[in-house]
């Protein structure tokens, strides 16, 4: 794992990006998510951001709009929220189910 510290333009704040390998291009560096999230949801969010960033600003704006819209829909629609919640299983229950098979 390698780390690069960088600062864009005249900005005072320094940022850090971790990556696998020995080098990273400036173009790849600019595609990195502005906030690194260390969770399963964060991994998916980072992947979506990087994929949209590779396509361009228009796709990043569309991704932000889609996520905001989905979040609002989920917050406002109790039935949809309940349906999605049925498919979310706590990790302890997942382990217990797997332990039954081993």
C-alpha atoms as a PDB file:
ATOM      1  CA  UNK A   1       0.000   0.000   0.000  1.00  0.00           C
ATOM      2  CA  UNK A   2       1.394   3.388  -1.023  1.00  0.00           C
ATOM      3  CA  UNK A   3       0.356   6.859   0.104  1.00  0.00           C
ATOM      4  CA  UNK A   4       0.525  10.202  -1.699  1.00  0.00           C
ATOM      5  CA  UNK A   5       0.104  13.578   0.012  1.00  0.00           C
ATOM      6  CA  UNK A   6      -1.074  16.357  -2.281  1.00  0.00           C
ATOM      7  CA  UNK A   7      -2.511  19.869  -2.363  1.00  0.00           C
ATOM      8  CA  UNK A   8      -4.373  21.361  -5.329  1.00  0.00           C
ATOM      9  CA  UNK A   9      -3.664  24.912  -6.419  1.00  0.00           C
ATOM     10  CA  UNK A  10      -3.224  27.445  -3.638  1.00  0.00           C
ATOM     11  CA  UNK A  11      -5.221  25.349  -1.167  1.00  0.00           C
ATOM     12  CA  UNK A  12      -3.883  25.161   2.347  1.00  0.00           C
ATOM     13  CA  UNK A  13      -5.360  21.790   3.198  1.00  0.00           C
ATOM     14  CA  UNK A  14      -3.322  18.738   2.388  1.00  0.00           C
ATOM     15  CA  UNK A  15      -5.020  15.511   1.310  1.00  0.00           C
ATOM     16  CA  UNK A  16      -3.857  11.923   1.339  1.00  0.00           C
ATOM     17  CA  UNK A  17      -4.710   9.020  -0.974  1.00  0.00           C
ATOM     18  CA  UNK A  18      -3.779   5.390  -0.393  1.00  0.00           C
ATOM     19  CA  UNK A  19      -3.425   3.085  -3.397  1.00  0.00           C
ATOM     20  CA  UNK A  20      -1.980  -0.252  -4.411  1.00  0.00           C
ATOM     21  CA  UNK A  21       1.081  -0.204  -6.623  1.00  0.00           C
ATOM     22  CA  UNK A  22       4.152   1.930  -7.119  1.00  0.00           C
ATOM     23  CA  UNK A  23       2.734   4.941  -8.982  1.00  0.00           C
ATOM     24  CA  UNK A  24      -0.429   6.924  -9.592  1.00  0.00           C
ATOM     25  CA  UNK A  25      -1.063   9.477 -12.317  1.00  0.00           C
ATOM     26  CA  UNK A  26      -2.469  12.950 -11.705  1.00  0.00           C
ATOM     27  CA  UNK A  27      -5.563  11.925 -13.677  1.00  0.00           C
ATOM     28  CA  UNK A  28      -6.133   8.931 -11.391  1.00  0.00           C
ATOM     29  CA  UNK A  29      -5.461  11.080  -8.357  1.00  0.00           C
ATOM     30  CA  UNK A  30      -8.178  13.541  -9.383  1.00  0.00           C
ATOM     31  CA  UNK A  31     -10.636  10.643  -9.724  1.00  0.00           C
ATOM     32  CA  UNK A  32     -10.190   9.565  -6.116  1.00  0.00           C
ATOM     33  CA  UNK A  33     -13.246  10.122  -3.903  1.00  0.00           C
ATOM     34  CA  UNK A  34     -12.971  13.261  -1.784  1.00  0.00           C
ATOM     35  CA  UNK A  35     -13.791  11.214   1.333  1.00  0.00           C
ATOM     36  CA  UNK A  36     -12.512   7.683   1.925  1.00  0.00           C
ATOM     37  CA  UNK A  37     -15.146   5.531   3.668  1.00  0.00           C
ATOM     38  CA  UNK A  38     -14.061   2.290   5.312  1.00  0.00           C
ATOM     39  CA  UNK A  39     -17.192   0.149   5.295  1.00  0.00           C
ATOM     40  CA  UNK A  40     -19.067  -2.052   2.855  1.00  0.00           C
ATOM     41  CA  UNK A  41     -21.416   0.814   1.977  1.00  0.00           C
ATOM     42  CA  UNK A  42     -18.403   3.126   1.695  1.00  0.00           C
ATOM     43  CA  UNK A  43     -16.724   0.730  -0.721  1.00  0.00           C
ATOM     44  CA  UNK A  44     -19.788   0.753  -2.979  1.00  0.00           C
ATOM     45  CA  UNK A  45     -20.102   4.536  -2.720  1.00  0.00           C
ATOM     46  CA  UNK A  46     -16.414   4.999  -3.576  1.00  0.00           C
ATOM     47  CA  UNK A  47     -16.723   2.618  -6.539  1.00  0.00           C
ATOM     48  CA  UNK A  48     -19.735   4.499  -7.869  1.00  0.00           C
ATOM     49  CA  UNK A  49     -17.877   7.809  -7.468  1.00  0.00           C
ATOM     50  CA  UNK A  50     -14.755   6.574  -9.264  1.00  0.00           C
ATOM     51  CA  UNK A  51     -16.811   5.060 -12.113  1.00  0.00           C
ATOM     52  CA  UNK A  52     -18.764   8.301 -12.565  1.00  0.00           C
ATOM     53  CA  UNK A  53     -15.591  10.413 -12.310  1.00  0.00           C
ATOM     54  CA  UNK A  54     -14.025   8.420 -15.140  1.00  0.00           C
ATOM     55  CA  UNK A  55     -17.013   9.333 -17.324  1.00  0.00           C
ATOM     56  CA  UNK A  56     -16.907  13.053 -16.542  1.00  0.00           C
ATOM     57  CA  UNK A  57     -18.535  15.864 -14.578  1.00  0.00           C
ATOM     58  CA  UNK A  58     -21.963  15.283 -16.112  1.00  0.00           C
ATOM     59  CA  UNK A  59     -22.046  11.715 -14.781  1.00  0.00           C
ATOM     60  CA  UNK A  60     -20.837  12.851 -11.329  1.00  0.00           C
ATOM     61  CA  UNK A  61     -23.682  15.367 -11.193  1.00  0.00           C
ATOM     62  CA  UNK A  62     -26.156  12.688 -12.293  1.00  0.00           C
ATOM     63  CA  UNK A  63     -24.848  10.287  -9.612  1.00  0.00           C
ATOM     64  CA  UNK A  64     -25.285  12.943  -6.929  1.00  0.00           C
ATOM     65  CA  UNK A  65     -28.820  13.640  -8.151  1.00  0.00           C
ATOM     66  CA  UNK A  66     -29.697   9.921  -8.209  1.00  0.00           C
ATOM     67  CA  UNK A  67     -28.351   9.285  -4.712  1.00  0.00           C
ATOM     68  CA  UNK A  68     -30.196  12.304  -3.333  1.00  0.00           C
ATOM     69  CA  UNK A  69     -33.422  11.220  -5.043  1.00  0.00           C
ATOM     70  CA  UNK A  70     -33.127   7.647  -3.755  1.00  0.00           C
ATOM     71  CA  UNK A  71     -32.383   8.866  -0.242  1.00  0.00           C
ATOM     72  CA  UNK A  72     -35.451  11.118  -0.283  1.00  0.00           C
ATOM     73  CA  UNK A  73     -37.653   8.338  -1.677  1.00  0.00           C
ATOM     74  CA  UNK A  74     -36.426   5.902   0.964  1.00  0.00           C
ATOM     75  CA  UNK A  75     -37.036   8.461   3.720  1.00  0.00           C
ATOM     76  CA  UNK A  76     -40.560   9.288   2.482  1.00  0.00           C
ATOM     77  CA  UNK A  77     -41.815   5.816   1.474  1.00  0.00           C
ATOM     78  CA  UNK A  78     -42.315   3.622   4.564  1.00  0.00           C
ATOM     79  CA  UNK A  79     -43.394   0.584   2.496  1.00  0.00           C
ATOM     80  CA  UNK A  80     -40.250   0.662   0.358  1.00  0.00           C
ATOM     81  CA  UNK A  81     -38.100   1.116   3.457  1.00  0.00           C
ATOM     82  CA  UNK A  82     -39.747  -1.916   5.083  1.00  0.00           C
ATOM     83  CA  UNK A  83     -39.245  -4.050   1.947  1.00  0.00           C
ATOM     84  CA  UNK A  84     -35.562  -3.188   1.763  1.00  0.00           C
ATOM     85  CA  UNK A  85     -35.110  -3.749   5.506  1.00  0.00           C
ATOM     86  CA  UNK A  86     -36.416  -7.323   5.116  1.00  0.00           C
ATOM     87  CA  UNK A  87     -33.364  -8.132   2.989  1.00  0.00           C
ATOM     88  CA  UNK A  88     -30.865  -6.698   5.438  1.00  0.00           C
ATOM     89  CA  UNK A  89     -29.694  -9.336   7.870  1.00  0.00           C
ATOM     90  CA  UNK A  90     -27.524  -8.575  10.880  1.00  0.00           C
ATOM     91  CA  UNK A  91     -24.021 -10.066  10.677  1.00  0.00           C
ATOM     92  CA  UNK A  92     -24.626 -12.068  13.869  1.00  0.00           C
ATOM     93  CA  UNK A  93     -27.631 -13.769  12.242  1.00  0.00           C
ATOM     94  CA  UNK A  94     -25.593 -14.388   9.087  1.00  0.00           C
ATOM     95  CA  UNK A  95     -22.825 -16.055  11.116  1.00  0.00           C
ATOM     96  CA  UNK A  96     -25.336 -18.144  13.051  1.00  0.00           C
ATOM     97  CA  UNK A  97     -26.894 -19.364   9.801  1.00  0.00           C
ATOM     98  CA  UNK A  98     -23.471 -20.222   8.360  1.00  0.00           C
ATOM     99  CA  UNK A  99     -22.445 -21.996  11.564  1.00  0.00           C
ATOM    100  CA  UNK A 100     -25.418 -24.314  11.172  1.00  0.00           C
ATOM    101  CA  UNK A 101     -24.001 -25.529   7.880  1.00  0.00           C
ATOM    102  CA  UNK A 102     -20.418 -26.069   9.067  1.00  0.00           C
END
